[in-house]
């Protein structure tokens, strides 16, 4: 192979790497939005179970695990306060939801519902920001990645 062919292969790899970087950013943004959607469903399920069905913590968790088979809900947990939010959340979001889950089953029903409603409101705020970031990622990151790859091509050629 001569040098020209190797440069073309390098250029193609640079373009693919740039596009791949953009696609990875889009995938992360989509996963974040999806995780917040799952979390909102779990919080609403727990709030409804406490508020309307007046179920105890262990029964709510068993029913939740049966109806929503999520990885972060499974395990040897027997009480709601043992639930930990998905680790894929940013630290500030993780802290909000970890605190909420740690109170469930350890306080009265009214206080638990108040905490859950607060967390649902925060989840909606986080979800709106994540949806905006996802839309931005879909609109920009792949193209930015291609541009970065094209810039790398200019340096290679």
N, C-alpha and C. Protein backbone atom coordinates (compact mmCIF):
# COMPACT_ATOMS: atom_id res chain seq x y z
N UNK A 1 0.84 -1.18 0.00
CA UNK A 1 0.00 0.00 0.00
C UNK A 1 0.88 1.24 0.00
N UNK A 2 0.45 2.19 -0.76
CA UNK A 2 1.22 3.43 -0.76
C UNK A 2 0.68 4.39 0.31
N UNK A 3 1.37 5.49 0.50
CA UNK A 3 1.02 6.45 1.53
C UNK A 3 -0.34 7.09 1.34
N UNK A 4 -0.75 7.26 0.06
CA UNK A 4 -2.03 7.90 -0.22
C UNK A 4 -3.20 7.05 0.28
N UNK A 5 -3.11 5.73 0.09
CA UNK A 5 -4.16 4.83 0.55
C UNK A 5 -4.23 4.83 2.07
N UNK A 6 -3.07 4.81 2.72
CA UNK A 6 -3.05 4.84 4.18
C UNK A 6 -3.64 6.14 4.71
N UNK A 7 -3.41 7.24 4.04
CA UNK A 7 -3.99 8.52 4.45
C UNK A 7 -5.51 8.49 4.30
N UNK A 8 -5.99 7.90 3.22
CA UNK A 8 -7.43 7.80 3.03
C UNK A 8 -8.07 6.92 4.10
N UNK A 9 -7.42 5.83 4.44
CA UNK A 9 -7.93 4.96 5.49
C UNK A 9 -7.92 5.72 6.83
N UNK A 10 -6.86 6.43 7.10
CA UNK A 10 -6.79 7.25 8.32
C UNK A 10 -7.88 8.31 8.35
N UNK A 11 -8.14 8.92 7.21
CA UNK A 11 -9.20 9.94 7.13
C UNK A 11 -10.56 9.32 7.41
N UNK A 12 -10.81 8.15 6.81
CA UNK A 12 -12.08 7.47 7.04
C UNK A 12 -12.23 7.08 8.51
N UNK A 13 -11.15 6.61 9.12
CA UNK A 13 -11.20 6.26 10.54
C UNK A 13 -11.45 7.49 11.41
N UNK A 14 -10.84 8.61 11.07
CA UNK A 14 -11.05 9.85 11.83
C UNK A 14 -12.50 10.30 11.72
N UNK A 15 -13.08 10.22 10.52
CA UNK A 15 -14.48 10.59 10.35
C UNK A 15 -15.40 9.66 11.14
N UNK A 16 -15.12 8.37 11.08
CA UNK A 16 -15.93 7.39 11.82
C UNK A 16 -15.80 7.59 13.32
N UNK A 17 -14.60 7.89 13.79
CA UNK A 17 -14.40 8.11 15.22
C UNK A 17 -15.17 9.35 15.67
N UNK A 18 -15.13 10.40 14.89
CA UNK A 18 -15.89 11.61 15.23
C UNK A 18 -17.38 11.35 15.28
N UNK A 19 -17.88 10.64 14.29
CA UNK A 19 -19.31 10.31 14.27
C UNK A 19 -19.65 9.40 15.44
N UNK A 20 -18.78 8.45 15.74
CA UNK A 20 -19.01 7.55 16.86
C UNK A 20 -19.06 8.29 18.18
N UNK A 21 -18.19 9.29 18.35
CA UNK A 21 -18.23 10.11 19.56
C UNK A 21 -19.58 10.80 19.68
N UNK A 22 -20.07 11.37 18.58
CA UNK A 22 -21.37 12.03 18.60
C UNK A 22 -22.50 11.06 18.90
N UNK A 23 -22.45 9.89 18.29
CA UNK A 23 -23.48 8.88 18.53
C UNK A 23 -23.47 8.41 19.98
N UNK A 24 -22.30 8.31 20.58
CA UNK A 24 -22.19 7.94 22.00
C UNK A 24 -22.84 8.99 22.89
N UNK A 25 -22.61 10.24 22.59
CA UNK A 25 -23.22 11.33 23.36
C UNK A 25 -24.75 11.28 23.25
N UNK A 26 -25.26 10.99 22.07
CA UNK A 26 -26.70 10.88 21.87
C UNK A 26 -27.24 9.72 22.68
N UNK A 27 -26.57 8.58 22.65
CA UNK A 27 -27.01 7.40 23.40
C UNK A 27 -27.03 7.67 24.90
N UNK A 28 -26.02 8.34 25.42
CA UNK A 28 -26.00 8.67 26.86
C UNK A 28 -27.16 9.57 27.23
N UNK A 29 -27.45 10.55 26.39
CA UNK A 29 -28.56 11.47 26.67
C UNK A 29 -29.89 10.71 26.65
N UNK A 30 -30.06 9.81 25.71
CA UNK A 30 -31.29 9.01 25.63
C UNK A 30 -31.44 8.10 26.85
N UNK A 31 -30.35 7.48 27.28
CA UNK A 31 -30.38 6.61 28.46
C UNK A 31 -30.75 7.40 29.71
N UNK A 32 -30.21 8.61 29.83
CA UNK A 32 -30.51 9.44 31.00
C UNK A 32 -32.00 9.77 31.05
N UNK A 33 -32.57 10.16 29.93
CA UNK A 33 -33.99 10.47 29.88
C UNK A 33 -34.82 9.23 30.21
N UNK A 34 -34.43 8.10 29.66
CA UNK A 34 -35.14 6.85 29.93
C UNK A 34 -35.06 6.46 31.41
N UNK A 35 -33.92 6.64 32.01
CA UNK A 35 -33.75 6.32 33.44
C UNK A 35 -34.65 7.20 34.29
N UNK A 36 -34.74 8.48 33.96
CA UNK A 36 -35.61 9.37 34.72
C UNK A 36 -37.08 9.00 34.52
N UNK A 37 -37.45 8.54 33.35
CA UNK A 37 -38.82 8.06 33.11
C UNK A 37 -39.12 6.85 34.01
N UNK A 38 -38.19 5.90 34.05
CA UNK A 38 -38.36 4.72 34.91
C UNK A 38 -38.48 5.13 36.37
N UNK A 39 -37.63 6.03 36.79
CA UNK A 39 -37.63 6.48 38.18
C UNK A 39 -38.95 7.15 38.54
N UNK A 40 -39.48 7.97 37.63
CA UNK A 40 -40.76 8.63 37.88
C UNK A 40 -41.88 7.60 38.03
N UNK A 41 -41.86 6.56 37.22
CA UNK A 41 -42.88 5.52 37.32
C UNK A 41 -42.80 4.80 38.66
N UNK A 42 -41.57 4.51 39.11
CA UNK A 42 -41.38 3.83 40.40
C UNK A 42 -41.86 4.72 41.54
N UNK A 43 -41.47 5.98 41.52
CA UNK A 43 -41.90 6.91 42.58
C UNK A 43 -43.42 7.06 42.62
N UNK A 44 -44.04 7.16 41.45
CA UNK A 44 -45.48 7.29 41.40
C UNK A 44 -46.17 6.02 41.88
N UNK A 45 -45.62 4.87 41.53
CA UNK A 45 -46.17 3.59 41.99
C UNK A 45 -46.15 3.53 43.52
N UNK A 46 -45.01 3.89 44.11
CA UNK A 46 -44.88 3.85 45.57
C UNK A 46 -45.84 4.85 46.21
N UNK A 47 -45.90 6.06 45.66
CA UNK A 47 -46.79 7.09 46.21
C UNK A 47 -48.24 6.61 46.18
N UNK A 48 -48.65 6.04 45.06
CA UNK A 48 -50.02 5.54 44.92
C UNK A 48 -50.29 4.41 45.90
N UNK A 49 -49.33 3.51 46.05
CA UNK A 49 -49.51 2.37 46.96
C UNK A 49 -49.64 2.83 48.41
N UNK A 50 -48.88 3.84 48.78
CA UNK A 50 -48.97 4.36 50.15
C UNK A 50 -50.26 5.14 50.35
N UNK A 51 -50.56 5.99 49.40
CA UNK A 51 -51.68 6.92 49.55
C UNK A 51 -53.04 6.24 49.43
N UNK A 52 -53.21 5.40 48.43
CA UNK A 52 -54.53 4.85 48.17
C UNK A 52 -54.72 3.42 48.64
N UNK A 53 -53.67 2.63 48.60
CA UNK A 53 -53.82 1.23 48.98
C UNK A 53 -53.40 0.96 50.41
N UNK A 54 -52.70 1.92 51.00
CA UNK A 54 -52.23 1.81 52.39
C UNK A 54 -51.50 0.49 52.64
N UNK A 55 -50.58 0.17 51.74
CA UNK A 55 -49.80 -1.05 51.86
C UNK A 55 -48.55 -0.78 52.70
N UNK A 56 -48.01 -1.83 53.31
CA UNK A 56 -46.78 -1.66 54.07
C UNK A 56 -45.57 -1.71 53.13
N UNK A 57 -44.43 -1.30 53.63
CA UNK A 57 -43.22 -1.13 52.84
C UNK A 57 -42.78 -2.41 52.13
N UNK A 58 -42.78 -3.52 52.85
CA UNK A 58 -42.33 -4.79 52.27
C UNK A 58 -43.25 -5.25 51.14
N UNK A 59 -44.55 -5.10 51.33
CA UNK A 59 -45.51 -5.52 50.31
C UNK A 59 -45.41 -4.62 49.07
N UNK A 60 -45.22 -3.32 49.28
CA UNK A 60 -45.05 -2.40 48.15
C UNK A 60 -43.84 -2.81 47.33
N UNK A 61 -42.74 -3.11 48.01
CA UNK A 61 -41.51 -3.49 47.31
C UNK A 61 -41.70 -4.79 46.54
N UNK A 62 -42.33 -5.78 47.14
CA UNK A 62 -42.57 -7.05 46.44
C UNK A 62 -43.41 -6.83 45.19
N UNK A 63 -44.47 -6.06 45.32
CA UNK A 63 -45.33 -5.81 44.17
C UNK A 63 -44.60 -4.98 43.10
N UNK A 64 -43.81 -4.02 43.54
CA UNK A 64 -43.04 -3.20 42.62
C UNK A 64 -42.03 -4.03 41.84
N UNK A 65 -41.33 -4.92 42.53
CA UNK A 65 -40.36 -5.78 41.85
C UNK A 65 -41.05 -6.74 40.88
N UNK A 66 -42.24 -7.18 41.21
CA UNK A 66 -42.97 -8.09 40.33
C UNK A 66 -43.48 -7.38 39.08
N UNK A 67 -43.92 -6.14 39.24
CA UNK A 67 -44.52 -5.42 38.12
C UNK A 67 -43.52 -4.64 37.28
N UNK A 68 -42.43 -4.23 37.86
CA UNK A 68 -41.42 -3.47 37.11
C UNK A 68 -40.05 -4.11 37.31
N UNK A 69 -39.70 -5.06 36.46
CA UNK A 69 -38.42 -5.76 36.62
C UNK A 69 -37.24 -4.91 36.15
N UNK A 70 -36.82 -3.98 36.99
CA UNK A 70 -35.67 -3.13 36.68
C UNK A 70 -34.46 -3.65 37.44
N UNK A 71 -33.30 -3.56 36.82
CA UNK A 71 -32.07 -4.07 37.46
C UNK A 71 -31.81 -3.42 38.80
N UNK A 72 -32.01 -2.13 38.90
CA UNK A 72 -31.69 -1.42 40.13
C UNK A 72 -32.70 -1.66 41.24
N UNK A 73 -33.82 -2.32 40.93
CA UNK A 73 -34.81 -2.68 41.96
C UNK A 73 -34.63 -4.11 42.45
N UNK A 74 -33.97 -4.93 41.66
CA UNK A 74 -33.85 -6.34 42.03
C UNK A 74 -32.78 -6.51 43.11
N UNK A 75 -32.73 -7.68 43.64
CA UNK A 75 -31.74 -7.98 44.67
C UNK A 75 -32.40 -8.49 45.93
N UNK A 76 -31.67 -8.42 47.01
CA UNK A 76 -32.15 -8.99 48.28
C UNK A 76 -32.82 -7.93 49.16
N UNK A 77 -33.31 -6.87 48.55
CA UNK A 77 -33.97 -5.83 49.33
C UNK A 77 -35.32 -6.34 49.83
N UNK A 78 -35.65 -5.97 51.07
CA UNK A 78 -36.94 -6.37 51.63
C UNK A 78 -37.77 -5.18 52.06
N UNK A 79 -37.18 -3.99 52.11
CA UNK A 79 -37.89 -2.78 52.51
C UNK A 79 -37.61 -1.66 51.51
N UNK A 80 -38.51 -0.71 51.44
CA UNK A 80 -38.36 0.39 50.48
C UNK A 80 -37.12 1.25 50.77
N UNK A 81 -36.78 1.43 52.03
CA UNK A 81 -35.63 2.28 52.34
C UNK A 81 -34.30 1.68 51.88
N UNK A 82 -34.31 0.42 51.47
CA UNK A 82 -33.09 -0.22 50.97
C UNK A 82 -32.87 0.01 49.48
N UNK A 83 -33.86 0.58 48.80
CA UNK A 83 -33.74 0.85 47.36
C UNK A 83 -32.72 1.96 47.16
N UNK A 84 -31.88 1.79 46.17
CA UNK A 84 -30.94 2.83 45.75
C UNK A 84 -31.26 3.20 44.31
N UNK A 85 -31.24 4.49 43.99
CA UNK A 85 -31.52 4.90 42.61
C UNK A 85 -30.46 4.36 41.65
N UNK A 86 -30.73 4.39 40.36
CA UNK A 86 -29.74 3.92 39.39
C UNK A 86 -28.43 4.69 39.51
N UNK A 87 -27.33 3.99 39.45
CA UNK A 87 -26.02 4.62 39.58
C UNK A 87 -25.65 5.46 38.37
N UNK A 88 -26.40 5.31 37.29
CA UNK A 88 -26.09 6.08 36.08
C UNK A 88 -26.52 7.54 36.19
N UNK A 89 -27.26 7.88 37.23
CA UNK A 89 -27.68 9.27 37.40
C UNK A 89 -26.50 10.14 37.82
N UNK A 90 -26.51 11.41 37.43
CA UNK A 90 -25.47 12.34 37.91
C UNK A 90 -25.53 12.43 39.44
N UNK A 91 -24.42 12.73 40.09
CA UNK A 91 -24.36 12.73 41.57
C UNK A 91 -25.43 13.58 42.25
N UNK A 92 -25.71 14.78 41.73
CA UNK A 92 -26.70 15.63 42.40
C UNK A 92 -28.10 15.03 42.30
N UNK A 93 -28.42 14.39 41.19
CA UNK A 93 -29.72 13.73 41.05
C UNK A 93 -29.78 12.47 41.89
N UNK A 94 -28.70 11.72 41.90
CA UNK A 94 -28.63 10.50 42.72
C UNK A 94 -28.89 10.83 44.19
N UNK A 95 -28.29 11.91 44.67
CA UNK A 95 -28.43 12.30 46.08
C UNK A 95 -29.88 12.61 46.43
N UNK A 96 -30.58 13.30 45.54
CA UNK A 96 -31.99 13.65 45.79
C UNK A 96 -32.82 12.39 45.96
N UNK A 97 -32.66 11.44 45.05
CA UNK A 97 -33.49 10.24 45.08
C UNK A 97 -33.04 9.25 46.16
N UNK A 98 -31.76 9.20 46.44
CA UNK A 98 -31.28 8.32 47.51
C UNK A 98 -31.85 8.76 48.85
N UNK A 99 -31.90 10.07 49.08
CA UNK A 99 -32.46 10.58 50.32
C UNK A 99 -33.94 10.24 50.43
N UNK A 100 -34.65 10.38 49.33
CA UNK A 100 -36.08 10.06 49.32
C UNK A 100 -36.31 8.59 49.65
N UNK A 101 -35.59 7.71 48.98
CA UNK A 101 -35.78 6.28 49.23
C UNK A 101 -35.38 5.91 50.66
N UNK A 102 -34.37 6.57 51.20
CA UNK A 102 -33.92 6.22 52.55
C UNK A 102 -34.97 6.55 53.61
N UNK A 103 -35.90 7.45 53.31
CA UNK A 103 -36.94 7.81 54.27
C UNK A 103 -38.16 6.90 54.20
N UNK A 104 -38.34 6.23 53.08
CA UNK A 104 -39.55 5.41 52.90
C UNK A 104 -39.58 4.24 53.85
N UNK A 105 -40.70 4.06 54.51
CA UNK A 105 -40.85 2.97 55.47
C UNK A 105 -40.32 3.32 56.85
N UNK A 106 -39.67 4.46 56.97
CA UNK A 106 -39.13 4.89 58.26
C UNK A 106 -39.88 6.09 58.82
N UNK A 107 -40.83 6.59 58.04
CA UNK A 107 -41.62 7.73 58.50
C UNK A 107 -43.09 7.43 58.24
N UNK A 108 -43.95 8.31 58.68
CA UNK A 108 -45.38 8.11 58.50
C UNK A 108 -45.79 8.23 57.04
N UNK A 109 -47.00 7.79 56.77
CA UNK A 109 -47.50 7.79 55.39
C UNK A 109 -47.58 9.20 54.82
N UNK A 110 -48.07 10.15 55.60
CA UNK A 110 -48.19 11.53 55.12
C UNK A 110 -46.84 12.12 54.76
N UNK A 111 -45.87 11.91 55.61
CA UNK A 111 -44.53 12.43 55.35
C UNK A 111 -43.90 11.74 54.14
N UNK A 112 -44.11 10.45 54.03
CA UNK A 112 -43.57 9.71 52.89
C UNK A 112 -44.19 10.22 51.58
N UNK A 113 -45.48 10.45 51.58
CA UNK A 113 -46.15 10.96 50.38
C UNK A 113 -45.63 12.35 50.04
N UNK A 114 -45.42 13.19 51.05
CA UNK A 114 -44.86 14.52 50.80
C UNK A 114 -43.48 14.43 50.16
N UNK A 115 -42.63 13.54 50.68
CA UNK A 115 -41.29 13.33 50.10
C UNK A 115 -41.38 12.82 48.67
N UNK A 116 -42.28 11.89 48.44
CA UNK A 116 -42.44 11.33 47.10
C UNK A 116 -42.94 12.37 46.11
N UNK A 117 -43.88 13.21 46.54
CA UNK A 117 -44.36 14.27 45.65
C UNK A 117 -43.26 15.27 45.33
N UNK A 118 -42.45 15.59 46.32
CA UNK A 118 -41.30 16.47 46.09
C UNK A 118 -40.34 15.83 45.08
N UNK A 119 -40.05 14.56 45.28
CA UNK A 119 -39.12 13.85 44.38
C UNK A 119 -39.71 13.72 42.98
N UNK A 120 -41.01 13.52 42.87
CA UNK A 120 -41.63 13.46 41.55
C UNK A 120 -41.52 14.81 40.85
N UNK A 121 -41.70 15.89 41.59
CA UNK A 121 -41.54 17.22 40.99
C UNK A 121 -40.11 17.45 40.54
N UNK A 122 -39.14 17.05 41.38
CA UNK A 122 -37.73 17.17 41.00
C UNK A 122 -37.41 16.29 39.80
N UNK A 123 -38.01 15.11 39.77
CA UNK A 123 -37.79 14.19 38.66
C UNK A 123 -38.30 14.81 37.36
N UNK A 124 -39.43 15.47 37.41
CA UNK A 124 -39.96 16.15 36.22
C UNK A 124 -39.03 17.26 35.76
N UNK A 125 -38.48 18.00 36.71
CA UNK A 125 -37.53 19.06 36.37
C UNK A 125 -36.28 18.47 35.72
N UNK A 126 -35.75 17.42 36.33
CA UNK A 126 -34.56 16.75 35.79
C UNK A 126 -34.87 16.17 34.41
N UNK A 127 -36.07 15.62 34.26
CA UNK A 127 -36.46 14.99 33.00
C UNK A 127 -36.58 16.03 31.88
N UNK A 128 -37.12 17.21 32.21
CA UNK A 128 -37.23 18.27 31.21
C UNK A 128 -35.84 18.70 30.74
N UNK A 129 -34.92 18.84 31.69
CA UNK A 129 -33.54 19.21 31.33
C UNK A 129 -32.89 18.10 30.51
N UNK A 130 -33.12 16.85 30.89
CA UNK A 130 -32.54 15.72 30.16
C UNK A 130 -33.13 15.62 28.76
N UNK A 131 -34.42 15.90 28.62
CA UNK A 131 -35.05 15.86 27.29
C UNK A 131 -34.47 16.96 26.40
N UNK A 132 -34.23 18.14 26.98
CA UNK A 132 -33.62 19.22 26.21
C UNK A 132 -32.20 18.85 25.79
N UNK A 133 -31.45 18.24 26.69
CA UNK A 133 -30.09 17.79 26.37
C UNK A 133 -30.12 16.70 25.31
N UNK A 134 -31.10 15.80 25.40
CA UNK A 134 -31.23 14.74 24.40
C UNK A 134 -31.52 15.33 23.02
N UNK A 135 -32.42 16.31 22.98
CA UNK A 135 -32.74 16.94 21.69
C UNK A 135 -31.52 17.67 21.13
N UNK A 136 -30.79 18.36 21.99
CA UNK A 136 -29.57 19.04 21.57
C UNK A 136 -28.56 18.02 21.05
N UNK A 137 -28.44 16.91 21.75
CA UNK A 137 -27.51 15.87 21.33
C UNK A 137 -27.90 15.31 19.96
N UNK A 138 -29.19 15.08 19.76
CA UNK A 138 -29.64 14.55 18.47
C UNK A 138 -29.38 15.54 17.34
N UNK A 139 -29.52 16.82 17.64
CA UNK A 139 -29.36 17.84 16.61
C UNK A 139 -27.90 18.18 16.32
N UNK A 140 -27.03 18.09 17.33
CA UNK A 140 -25.69 18.63 17.17
C UNK A 140 -24.54 17.62 17.21
N UNK A 141 -24.57 16.70 18.15
CA UNK A 141 -23.35 15.96 18.46
C UNK A 141 -22.82 15.10 17.32
N UNK A 142 -23.69 14.49 16.57
CA UNK A 142 -23.18 13.68 15.45
C UNK A 142 -22.50 14.57 14.41
N UNK A 143 -23.11 15.72 14.14
CA UNK A 143 -22.53 16.64 13.17
C UNK A 143 -21.22 17.23 13.70
N UNK A 144 -21.20 17.57 14.98
CA UNK A 144 -19.96 18.08 15.58
C UNK A 144 -18.87 17.01 15.49
N UNK A 145 -19.24 15.77 15.77
CA UNK A 145 -18.27 14.67 15.67
C UNK A 145 -17.72 14.52 14.27
N UNK A 146 -18.60 14.61 13.29
CA UNK A 146 -18.13 14.54 11.90
C UNK A 146 -17.20 15.70 11.58
N UNK A 147 -17.53 16.90 12.06
CA UNK A 147 -16.66 18.06 11.83
C UNK A 147 -15.30 17.87 12.49
N UNK A 148 -15.30 17.33 13.70
CA UNK A 148 -14.02 17.06 14.38
C UNK A 148 -13.22 16.03 13.59
N UNK A 149 -13.92 15.01 13.09
CA UNK A 149 -13.24 14.01 12.26
C UNK A 149 -12.70 14.63 10.98
N UNK A 150 -13.47 15.52 10.37
CA UNK A 150 -13.00 16.19 9.15
C UNK A 150 -11.79 17.06 9.43
N UNK A 151 -11.80 17.71 10.59
CA UNK A 151 -10.65 18.52 10.98
C UNK A 151 -9.41 17.65 11.17
N UNK A 152 -9.61 16.49 11.77
CA UNK A 152 -8.48 15.56 11.92
C UNK A 152 -7.98 15.10 10.55
N UNK A 153 -8.90 14.93 9.61
CA UNK A 153 -8.52 14.53 8.25
C UNK A 153 -7.62 15.59 7.64
N UNK A 154 -7.98 16.85 7.83
CA UNK A 154 -7.16 17.95 7.27
C UNK A 154 -5.72 17.87 7.79
N UNK A 155 -5.59 17.52 9.05
CA UNK A 155 -4.25 17.42 9.62
C UNK A 155 -3.51 16.18 9.10
N UNK A 156 -4.27 15.13 8.78
CA UNK A 156 -3.63 13.91 8.26
C UNK A 156 -3.18 14.07 6.81
N UNK A 157 -3.96 14.79 6.04
CA UNK A 157 -3.65 14.93 4.63
C UNK A 157 -2.69 16.06 4.48
